[in-house]
N, C-alpha and C. Protein backbone atom coordinates (compact mmCIF):
# COMPACT_ATOMS: atom_id res chain seq x y z
N MET A 1 15.40 -67.61 -32.17
CA MET A 1 16.07 -66.50 -33.01
C MET A 1 15.81 -65.32 -32.64
N ARG A 2 14.61 -64.81 -32.24
CA ARG A 2 13.98 -63.49 -31.94
C ARG A 2 14.87 -63.14 -30.47
N ALA A 3 14.95 -64.18 -29.66
CA ALA A 3 15.82 -63.68 -28.61
C ALA A 3 17.20 -63.32 -28.69
N SER A 4 17.78 -63.91 -29.71
CA SER A 4 19.04 -63.42 -30.07
C SER A 4 19.21 -62.36 -30.60
N LEU A 5 18.35 -62.20 -31.34
CA LEU A 5 18.24 -60.63 -32.27
C LEU A 5 17.92 -59.53 -30.92
N LEU A 6 17.01 -59.77 -30.10
CA LEU A 6 16.92 -59.09 -29.17
C LEU A 6 18.04 -58.59 -28.18
N ARG A 7 18.52 -59.63 -27.96
CA ARG A 7 19.96 -59.34 -27.10
C ARG A 7 21.04 -58.84 -27.93
N ARG A 8 21.23 -58.85 -29.05
CA ARG A 8 22.28 -58.03 -29.86
C ARG A 8 21.63 -56.40 -30.11
N LEU A 9 20.39 -56.27 -30.26
CA LEU A 9 19.91 -55.04 -30.07
C LEU A 9 19.67 -54.41 -28.78
N GLN A 10 19.81 -54.80 -27.81
CA GLN A 10 19.56 -54.46 -26.47
C GLN A 10 20.74 -53.39 -26.22
N PRO A 11 22.02 -53.46 -26.52
CA PRO A 11 22.87 -52.36 -26.21
C PRO A 11 22.71 -51.34 -27.07
N LEU A 12 22.18 -51.39 -28.21
CA LEU A 12 21.84 -50.40 -29.19
C LEU A 12 20.64 -49.42 -28.54
N PHE A 13 19.66 -50.31 -28.06
CA PHE A 13 18.61 -49.40 -27.52
C PHE A 13 18.98 -48.58 -26.27
N ALA A 14 19.73 -49.14 -25.47
CA ALA A 14 20.30 -48.57 -24.16
C ALA A 14 21.06 -47.35 -24.71
N ALA A 15 21.91 -47.40 -25.70
CA ALA A 15 22.68 -46.15 -26.22
C ALA A 15 21.88 -45.24 -26.83
N LEU A 16 20.83 -45.65 -27.35
CA LEU A 16 19.71 -44.61 -27.93
C LEU A 16 19.00 -43.78 -26.92
N MET A 17 18.50 -44.66 -25.82
CA MET A 17 17.95 -43.97 -24.59
C MET A 17 18.92 -43.16 -23.89
N LEU A 18 20.04 -43.53 -23.72
CA LEU A 18 21.22 -42.44 -23.16
C LEU A 18 21.27 -41.22 -23.82
N SER A 19 21.43 -41.41 -25.24
CA SER A 19 21.40 -40.35 -25.70
C SER A 19 20.38 -39.44 -26.06
N LEU A 20 19.18 -39.98 -25.80
CA LEU A 20 17.87 -38.94 -25.87
C LEU A 20 17.85 -38.37 -24.56
N THR A 21 18.16 -39.13 -23.39
CA THR A 21 18.13 -38.55 -22.13
C THR A 21 19.14 -37.28 -22.04
N SER A 22 20.14 -37.71 -22.59
CA SER A 22 21.52 -36.39 -22.55
C SER A 22 21.12 -35.38 -23.31
N ALA A 23 20.45 -35.53 -24.42
CA ALA A 23 19.76 -34.61 -25.30
C ALA A 23 18.76 -33.71 -24.84
N GLY A 24 17.97 -34.23 -23.99
CA GLY A 24 16.72 -33.73 -23.39
C GLY A 24 17.59 -32.79 -22.18
N ALA A 25 18.77 -33.27 -21.51
CA ALA A 25 19.10 -32.70 -20.28
C ALA A 25 19.54 -30.98 -20.83
N CYS A 26 19.92 -30.91 -22.04
CA CYS A 26 20.17 -29.38 -22.50
C CYS A 26 18.98 -28.59 -22.33
N TYR A 27 17.81 -29.06 -22.13
CA TYR A 27 16.58 -28.14 -21.81
C TYR A 27 16.35 -27.81 -20.20
N ALA A 28 17.06 -28.67 -19.33
CA ALA A 28 16.79 -28.55 -18.20
C ALA A 28 17.89 -27.54 -17.48
N GLN A 29 17.19 -26.35 -17.30
CA GLN A 29 18.09 -25.30 -16.66
C GLN A 29 17.52 -24.98 -15.50
N ALA A 30 18.32 -24.46 -14.69
CA ALA A 30 17.52 -24.20 -13.07
C ALA A 30 16.52 -23.05 -13.26
N LEU A 31 15.55 -23.06 -12.57
CA LEU A 31 14.31 -22.39 -12.55
C LEU A 31 14.56 -20.90 -11.50
N GLU A 32 14.26 -19.91 -12.11
CA GLU A 32 14.20 -18.72 -11.10
C GLU A 32 13.08 -17.99 -10.84
N ALA A 33 12.71 -17.52 -9.88
CA ALA A 33 11.41 -16.86 -9.43
C ALA A 33 11.37 -15.50 -10.33
N LEU A 34 10.37 -15.11 -10.80
CA LEU A 34 9.90 -13.86 -11.70
C LEU A 34 8.24 -13.60 -11.21
N SER A 35 7.92 -12.46 -11.21
CA SER A 35 6.79 -12.01 -10.74
C SER A 35 6.53 -10.56 -11.81
N ILE A 36 5.06 -10.70 -12.09
CA ILE A 36 4.74 -9.53 -12.85
C ILE A 36 3.78 -8.83 -12.23
N VAL A 37 3.57 -7.56 -11.83
CA VAL A 37 2.74 -6.77 -11.12
C VAL A 37 1.93 -6.11 -12.01
N SER A 38 0.65 -6.45 -12.27
CA SER A 38 -0.38 -5.98 -12.88
C SER A 38 -1.56 -5.59 -12.23
N GLY A 39 -2.15 -4.36 -12.47
CA GLY A 39 -3.51 -4.08 -11.76
C GLY A 39 -3.40 -4.23 -10.36
N GLY A 40 -2.42 -3.88 -9.74
CA GLY A 40 -2.31 -4.21 -8.13
C GLY A 40 -2.10 -5.94 -7.69
N GLN A 41 -2.23 -6.65 -8.89
CA GLN A 41 -1.93 -8.12 -8.25
C GLN A 41 -0.61 -8.55 -8.85
N LYS A 42 0.05 -9.43 -8.23
CA LYS A 42 1.39 -10.15 -8.37
C LYS A 42 1.31 -11.47 -8.97
N GLN A 43 1.62 -11.65 -10.47
CA GLN A 43 1.58 -12.87 -10.74
C GLN A 43 2.85 -13.55 -10.65
N SER A 44 3.15 -14.95 -10.14
CA SER A 44 4.31 -15.49 -10.23
C SER A 44 4.62 -16.54 -11.16
N PHE A 45 5.72 -16.51 -11.65
CA PHE A 45 6.20 -17.61 -12.63
C PHE A 45 7.52 -18.11 -12.31
N GLN A 46 8.00 -19.36 -12.60
CA GLN A 46 8.99 -20.28 -12.48
C GLN A 46 9.85 -20.09 -13.98
N VAL A 47 10.96 -19.29 -14.18
CA VAL A 47 11.46 -19.10 -15.60
C VAL A 47 13.06 -19.74 -15.62
N GLU A 48 13.30 -20.23 -16.79
CA GLU A 48 14.35 -20.40 -17.20
C GLU A 48 15.12 -19.11 -17.86
N VAL A 49 16.30 -19.10 -17.32
CA VAL A 49 17.10 -17.50 -18.04
C VAL A 49 18.19 -18.02 -19.08
N ALA A 50 17.98 -17.64 -20.30
CA ALA A 50 18.84 -17.94 -21.36
C ALA A 50 19.88 -16.43 -21.36
N ARG A 51 21.01 -16.63 -20.62
CA ARG A 51 21.88 -15.66 -20.88
C ARG A 51 23.09 -15.50 -21.82
N ASN A 52 23.26 -16.58 -22.60
CA ASN A 52 24.36 -16.40 -23.55
C ASN A 52 23.66 -16.88 -24.88
N ASP A 53 24.73 -16.78 -26.08
CA ASP A 53 23.89 -16.78 -27.35
C ASP A 53 23.38 -18.13 -27.70
N ALA A 54 24.00 -19.30 -26.98
CA ALA A 54 23.56 -20.64 -27.43
C ALA A 54 22.43 -20.92 -26.72
N ASP A 55 21.85 -20.43 -25.55
CA ASP A 55 20.64 -20.43 -24.90
C ASP A 55 19.74 -19.80 -25.32
N ARG A 56 20.29 -18.46 -25.70
CA ARG A 56 19.01 -17.67 -26.61
C ARG A 56 18.61 -18.06 -28.18
N ALA A 57 19.67 -18.78 -28.68
CA ALA A 57 19.20 -19.39 -29.91
C ALA A 57 18.52 -20.59 -29.96
N GLN A 58 18.55 -21.22 -28.68
CA GLN A 58 17.80 -22.50 -28.50
C GLN A 58 16.41 -22.22 -28.14
N GLY A 59 16.60 -21.18 -26.95
CA GLY A 59 15.19 -20.72 -26.62
C GLY A 59 14.16 -21.92 -26.28
N LEU A 60 12.86 -21.88 -26.47
CA LEU A 60 11.92 -23.09 -26.12
C LEU A 60 11.70 -23.96 -27.45
N MET A 61 12.64 -23.86 -28.48
CA MET A 61 12.60 -24.79 -29.76
C MET A 61 12.35 -26.09 -29.27
N PHE A 62 11.69 -26.92 -29.93
CA PHE A 62 11.53 -28.19 -30.19
C PHE A 62 10.35 -28.92 -29.12
N ARG A 63 10.07 -28.01 -28.14
CA ARG A 63 9.47 -28.22 -26.86
C ARG A 63 7.86 -28.61 -27.36
N ARG A 64 7.39 -29.17 -26.96
CA ARG A 64 5.83 -29.57 -27.11
C ARG A 64 4.79 -29.29 -26.07
N SER A 65 5.27 -28.72 -24.80
CA SER A 65 4.58 -28.22 -23.78
C SER A 65 5.45 -27.48 -22.57
N MET A 66 4.77 -26.69 -21.92
CA MET A 66 5.33 -25.88 -20.74
C MET A 66 4.17 -25.92 -19.98
N PRO A 67 4.46 -25.91 -18.57
CA PRO A 67 3.58 -25.56 -17.50
C PRO A 67 3.13 -24.23 -17.55
N VAL A 68 1.57 -23.82 -16.96
CA VAL A 68 1.26 -22.67 -17.01
C VAL A 68 1.83 -21.79 -16.24
N ASP A 69 2.86 -21.96 -15.34
CA ASP A 69 3.46 -21.07 -14.59
C ASP A 69 4.84 -20.99 -14.89
N ARG A 70 5.19 -21.49 -15.82
CA ARG A 70 6.78 -21.60 -16.25
C ARG A 70 6.70 -20.37 -17.33
N GLY A 71 7.95 -20.24 -17.71
CA GLY A 71 8.45 -19.18 -18.98
C GLY A 71 9.82 -19.31 -19.27
N MET A 72 10.30 -18.49 -20.28
CA MET A 72 11.87 -18.21 -20.51
C MET A 72 12.06 -16.79 -20.71
N LEU A 73 13.05 -16.51 -19.64
CA LEU A 73 13.35 -14.85 -19.99
C LEU A 73 14.68 -15.04 -20.68
N PHE A 74 14.65 -14.19 -21.72
CA PHE A 74 15.92 -14.01 -22.41
C PHE A 74 16.72 -12.69 -22.06
N ASP A 75 17.86 -12.98 -21.74
CA ASP A 75 18.49 -11.59 -21.01
C ASP A 75 19.43 -11.28 -22.14
N PHE A 76 19.28 -10.18 -22.81
CA PHE A 76 20.80 -9.63 -24.05
C PHE A 76 21.85 -9.15 -23.39
N GLY A 77 21.66 -8.63 -22.33
CA GLY A 77 22.97 -8.29 -21.78
C GLY A 77 23.41 -6.85 -22.03
N ARG A 78 22.58 -6.12 -23.00
CA ARG A 78 22.42 -4.68 -23.36
C ARG A 78 21.02 -4.42 -23.67
N VAL A 79 20.92 -2.99 -23.81
CA VAL A 79 19.71 -2.66 -24.20
C VAL A 79 19.66 -2.16 -25.62
N GLU A 80 18.80 -2.85 -26.51
CA GLU A 80 18.84 -2.45 -27.95
C GLU A 80 17.84 -3.29 -28.40
N PRO A 81 17.19 -2.56 -29.76
CA PRO A 81 16.29 -3.33 -30.22
C PRO A 81 16.41 -4.75 -30.58
N VAL A 82 15.33 -5.53 -30.22
CA VAL A 82 15.60 -7.04 -30.62
C VAL A 82 14.51 -7.47 -31.55
N ALA A 83 14.73 -8.82 -32.09
CA ALA A 83 13.84 -9.25 -33.04
C ALA A 83 13.90 -10.74 -32.68
N MET A 84 12.61 -11.49 -32.35
CA MET A 84 12.46 -12.81 -32.10
C MET A 84 12.01 -13.33 -33.44
N TRP A 85 11.68 -14.71 -33.26
CA TRP A 85 11.36 -15.61 -34.39
C TRP A 85 10.84 -16.77 -33.61
N MET A 86 9.80 -17.76 -34.26
CA MET A 86 9.30 -18.93 -33.81
C MET A 86 9.67 -20.10 -34.55
N GLN A 87 10.97 -19.96 -35.20
CA GLN A 87 11.38 -21.18 -36.08
C GLN A 87 11.71 -22.16 -35.19
N ASN A 88 10.92 -23.36 -35.29
CA ASN A 88 11.33 -24.77 -34.59
C ASN A 88 10.72 -24.60 -33.12
N THR A 89 9.73 -23.85 -32.89
CA THR A 89 9.15 -23.63 -31.81
C THR A 89 7.61 -24.08 -31.98
N TYR A 90 7.26 -25.31 -31.38
CA TYR A 90 5.76 -25.71 -31.45
C TYR A 90 4.94 -25.21 -30.62
N LEU A 91 5.27 -24.18 -29.64
CA LEU A 91 4.20 -23.68 -28.71
C LEU A 91 4.02 -22.35 -28.95
N PRO A 92 2.64 -22.01 -29.04
CA PRO A 92 2.35 -20.77 -29.33
C PRO A 92 2.74 -19.77 -28.11
N LEU A 93 3.32 -18.69 -28.04
CA LEU A 93 3.64 -17.85 -26.91
C LEU A 93 3.30 -16.68 -27.03
N ASP A 94 3.26 -15.93 -25.87
CA ASP A 94 3.12 -14.55 -25.64
C ASP A 94 4.48 -13.95 -25.40
N MET A 95 5.05 -12.85 -26.31
CA MET A 95 6.54 -12.46 -26.12
C MET A 95 6.20 -10.93 -25.17
N LEU A 96 6.82 -11.05 -24.03
CA LEU A 96 6.80 -9.73 -23.35
C LEU A 96 8.13 -9.02 -23.60
N PHE A 97 8.24 -7.63 -24.22
CA PHE A 97 9.44 -7.11 -24.46
C PHE A 97 9.75 -6.13 -23.20
N ILE A 98 11.02 -6.19 -22.39
CA ILE A 98 10.94 -5.63 -21.15
C ILE A 98 12.16 -4.67 -21.30
N ARG A 99 11.77 -3.37 -20.86
CA ARG A 99 12.78 -2.55 -20.67
C ARG A 99 13.93 -2.53 -19.58
N PRO A 100 14.96 -1.78 -19.36
CA PRO A 100 15.79 -2.39 -18.36
C PRO A 100 15.48 -2.04 -16.87
N ASP A 101 14.02 -1.26 -16.39
CA ASP A 101 13.72 -0.71 -15.41
C ASP A 101 12.65 -1.99 -15.20
N GLY A 102 12.27 -3.02 -15.95
CA GLY A 102 11.34 -3.97 -15.69
C GLY A 102 10.05 -3.71 -16.16
N THR A 103 9.69 -2.44 -16.86
CA THR A 103 8.48 -2.30 -17.39
C THR A 103 8.46 -2.92 -18.48
N ILE A 104 7.38 -3.44 -19.01
CA ILE A 104 6.76 -4.05 -20.28
C ILE A 104 6.39 -3.21 -21.38
N ALA A 105 7.66 -3.08 -22.61
CA ALA A 105 7.52 -2.22 -23.47
C ALA A 105 6.36 -2.64 -24.52
N ARG A 106 6.20 -3.77 -24.67
CA ARG A 106 5.42 -4.35 -25.86
C ARG A 106 4.97 -5.97 -25.71
N ILE A 107 3.68 -5.97 -26.03
CA ILE A 107 3.46 -7.68 -25.91
C ILE A 107 3.12 -8.08 -27.25
N ALA A 108 3.48 -9.16 -27.84
CA ALA A 108 3.26 -9.85 -29.11
C ALA A 108 2.70 -11.12 -28.64
N ALA A 109 1.40 -11.04 -28.67
CA ALA A 109 0.58 -11.95 -28.20
C ALA A 109 0.32 -13.35 -29.16
N ASN A 110 0.17 -14.48 -28.48
CA ASN A 110 -0.27 -15.52 -29.47
C ASN A 110 0.59 -15.85 -30.75
N THR A 111 1.97 -15.81 -30.61
CA THR A 111 2.81 -15.86 -31.97
C THR A 111 2.84 -17.24 -32.49
N GLU A 112 2.81 -17.10 -33.77
CA GLU A 112 2.72 -18.15 -34.74
C GLU A 112 3.77 -19.10 -34.51
N PRO A 113 3.44 -20.50 -34.23
CA PRO A 113 4.13 -21.69 -34.17
C PRO A 113 5.28 -21.89 -35.26
N LEU A 114 6.55 -22.10 -35.45
CA LEU A 114 7.06 -22.65 -36.57
C LEU A 114 7.29 -21.49 -37.43
N SER A 115 6.77 -20.36 -37.34
CA SER A 115 7.12 -19.20 -38.21
C SER A 115 8.58 -18.59 -38.19
N THR A 116 8.81 -18.04 -39.34
CA THR A 116 10.40 -17.41 -39.27
C THR A 116 9.98 -16.02 -39.62
N ARG A 117 8.83 -15.49 -39.32
CA ARG A 117 8.52 -14.33 -39.49
C ARG A 117 9.35 -13.64 -38.15
N THR A 118 9.83 -12.13 -38.19
CA THR A 118 10.49 -11.66 -37.14
C THR A 118 9.42 -10.79 -36.22
N ILE A 119 9.64 -10.84 -35.20
CA ILE A 119 8.80 -10.18 -34.08
C ILE A 119 9.81 -9.11 -33.28
N SER A 120 9.44 -8.05 -33.80
CA SER A 120 10.00 -6.87 -33.37
C SER A 120 9.85 -6.14 -31.67
N SER A 121 10.71 -5.82 -31.15
CA SER A 121 10.57 -5.02 -29.83
C SER A 121 9.96 -3.89 -29.87
N GLY A 122 10.09 -3.39 -31.26
CA GLY A 122 9.58 -2.02 -31.17
C GLY A 122 10.22 -0.84 -30.67
N GLU A 123 11.11 -0.89 -29.87
CA GLU A 123 11.98 -0.13 -29.01
C GLU A 123 13.34 -0.85 -28.40
N PRO A 124 14.18 -0.07 -27.92
CA PRO A 124 15.45 -0.99 -27.38
C PRO A 124 14.82 -1.38 -25.95
N VAL A 125 15.09 -2.74 -25.83
CA VAL A 125 14.85 -3.53 -24.50
C VAL A 125 15.81 -4.33 -23.94
N LEU A 126 15.94 -4.72 -22.74
CA LEU A 126 17.05 -5.40 -22.14
C LEU A 126 16.69 -6.95 -22.16
N ALA A 127 15.42 -7.31 -22.17
CA ALA A 127 14.87 -8.61 -22.24
C ALA A 127 13.72 -9.07 -22.84
N VAL A 128 13.42 -10.28 -23.14
CA VAL A 128 12.03 -10.67 -23.55
C VAL A 128 11.46 -11.87 -22.61
N LEU A 129 10.67 -11.84 -22.30
CA LEU A 129 9.93 -13.23 -21.34
C LEU A 129 8.70 -13.84 -22.40
N GLU A 130 8.98 -15.01 -22.67
CA GLU A 130 8.22 -15.94 -23.18
C GLU A 130 7.10 -16.71 -22.23
N LEU A 131 6.03 -16.87 -22.62
CA LEU A 131 4.96 -17.47 -21.79
C LEU A 131 3.99 -17.98 -22.68
N ASN A 132 3.34 -19.17 -22.29
CA ASN A 132 2.14 -19.90 -22.88
C ASN A 132 1.33 -18.62 -23.64
N ALA A 133 1.04 -18.78 -24.67
CA ALA A 133 -0.05 -18.11 -25.42
C ALA A 133 -0.97 -17.66 -24.64
N GLY A 134 -1.73 -16.56 -24.50
CA GLY A 134 -3.00 -16.32 -23.78
C GLY A 134 -2.62 -15.73 -22.46
N THR A 135 -1.65 -16.19 -21.88
CA THR A 135 -1.09 -15.88 -20.37
C THR A 135 -1.37 -14.31 -20.30
N ALA A 136 -1.07 -13.58 -20.94
CA ALA A 136 -1.06 -12.05 -20.75
C ALA A 136 -2.32 -11.46 -20.78
N SER A 137 -3.11 -11.91 -21.77
CA SER A 137 -4.88 -11.57 -21.79
C SER A 137 -5.18 -12.29 -20.70
N ARG A 138 -5.06 -13.45 -20.27
CA ARG A 138 -5.47 -14.22 -19.09
C ARG A 138 -5.49 -13.45 -17.94
N LEU A 139 -4.36 -12.99 -17.69
CA LEU A 139 -3.99 -12.23 -16.22
C LEU A 139 -4.07 -10.96 -16.23
N GLY A 140 -4.61 -10.13 -17.48
CA GLY A 140 -4.77 -8.85 -17.47
C GLY A 140 -3.30 -8.13 -17.80
N ILE A 141 -2.10 -8.89 -18.09
CA ILE A 141 -0.72 -8.21 -18.26
C ILE A 141 -0.98 -7.31 -19.71
N LYS A 142 -0.39 -6.09 -19.46
CA LYS A 142 -0.23 -4.98 -20.41
C LYS A 142 0.85 -4.28 -20.50
N PRO A 143 1.29 -3.49 -21.52
CA PRO A 143 2.28 -2.49 -21.55
C PRO A 143 2.36 -1.86 -20.37
N GLY A 144 3.48 -1.33 -19.77
CA GLY A 144 3.68 -0.47 -18.74
C GLY A 144 3.53 -0.94 -17.27
N ASP A 145 3.06 -2.71 -17.12
CA ASP A 145 2.83 -3.38 -16.08
C ASP A 145 4.69 -3.75 -15.71
N ARG A 146 4.87 -3.83 -14.69
CA ARG A 146 6.33 -4.24 -14.06
C ARG A 146 6.63 -5.59 -14.00
N VAL A 147 7.88 -6.21 -14.40
CA VAL A 147 8.31 -7.63 -14.32
C VAL A 147 9.53 -7.50 -12.92
N GLU A 148 9.38 -8.42 -12.01
CA GLU A 148 10.24 -8.19 -10.94
C GLU A 148 11.10 -9.41 -10.98
N HIS A 149 12.36 -9.18 -11.22
CA HIS A 149 13.52 -10.27 -11.38
C HIS A 149 14.76 -9.57 -11.05
N PRO A 150 15.70 -10.33 -10.44
CA PRO A 150 16.86 -9.59 -10.28
C PRO A 150 17.49 -8.84 -11.53
N LEU A 151 17.37 -9.25 -12.58
CA LEU A 151 17.92 -8.61 -13.90
C LEU A 151 17.60 -7.26 -13.97
N PHE A 152 16.36 -6.75 -13.55
CA PHE A 152 15.68 -5.44 -13.87
C PHE A 152 16.16 -4.42 -12.54
N LYS A 153 16.67 -2.99 -12.80
CA LYS A 153 16.70 -2.18 -11.76
C LYS A 153 15.48 -1.46 -11.76
N HIS A 154 15.07 -1.49 -10.23
CA HIS A 154 13.64 -0.86 -10.23
C HIS A 154 13.97 0.62 -9.51
């Protein structure tokens, strides 16, 4: 009887696993090189770039971990004040608000997971870089430091 039940459930389990694998694929974007120059040191990261509304809305939501050398760069396509939030985001993050010339305008350190509180750029910016919480402090990254990526005009 159990073997019969397992045979009937096997296609359902296979479909469920395929569905979960496909849903997870939406997180797999190509990684791009990005560096931050701070205090004469260059720190290298691999980042996913969110260039459209759907990717920016998804961001890092629902992820439970991120390697220390990874992040997500939000390209807003124009210079304007922006506000971010952490709804459905389980990872505490450092948010680096970046001007069009690549300089860091502001850092919101150790943001609160799952919060709907908005986090403002404080001035018009072109992009936001999200890194694991504590990264900016650990590496000595501060406002005025420069982010190197093809998005920014130096």
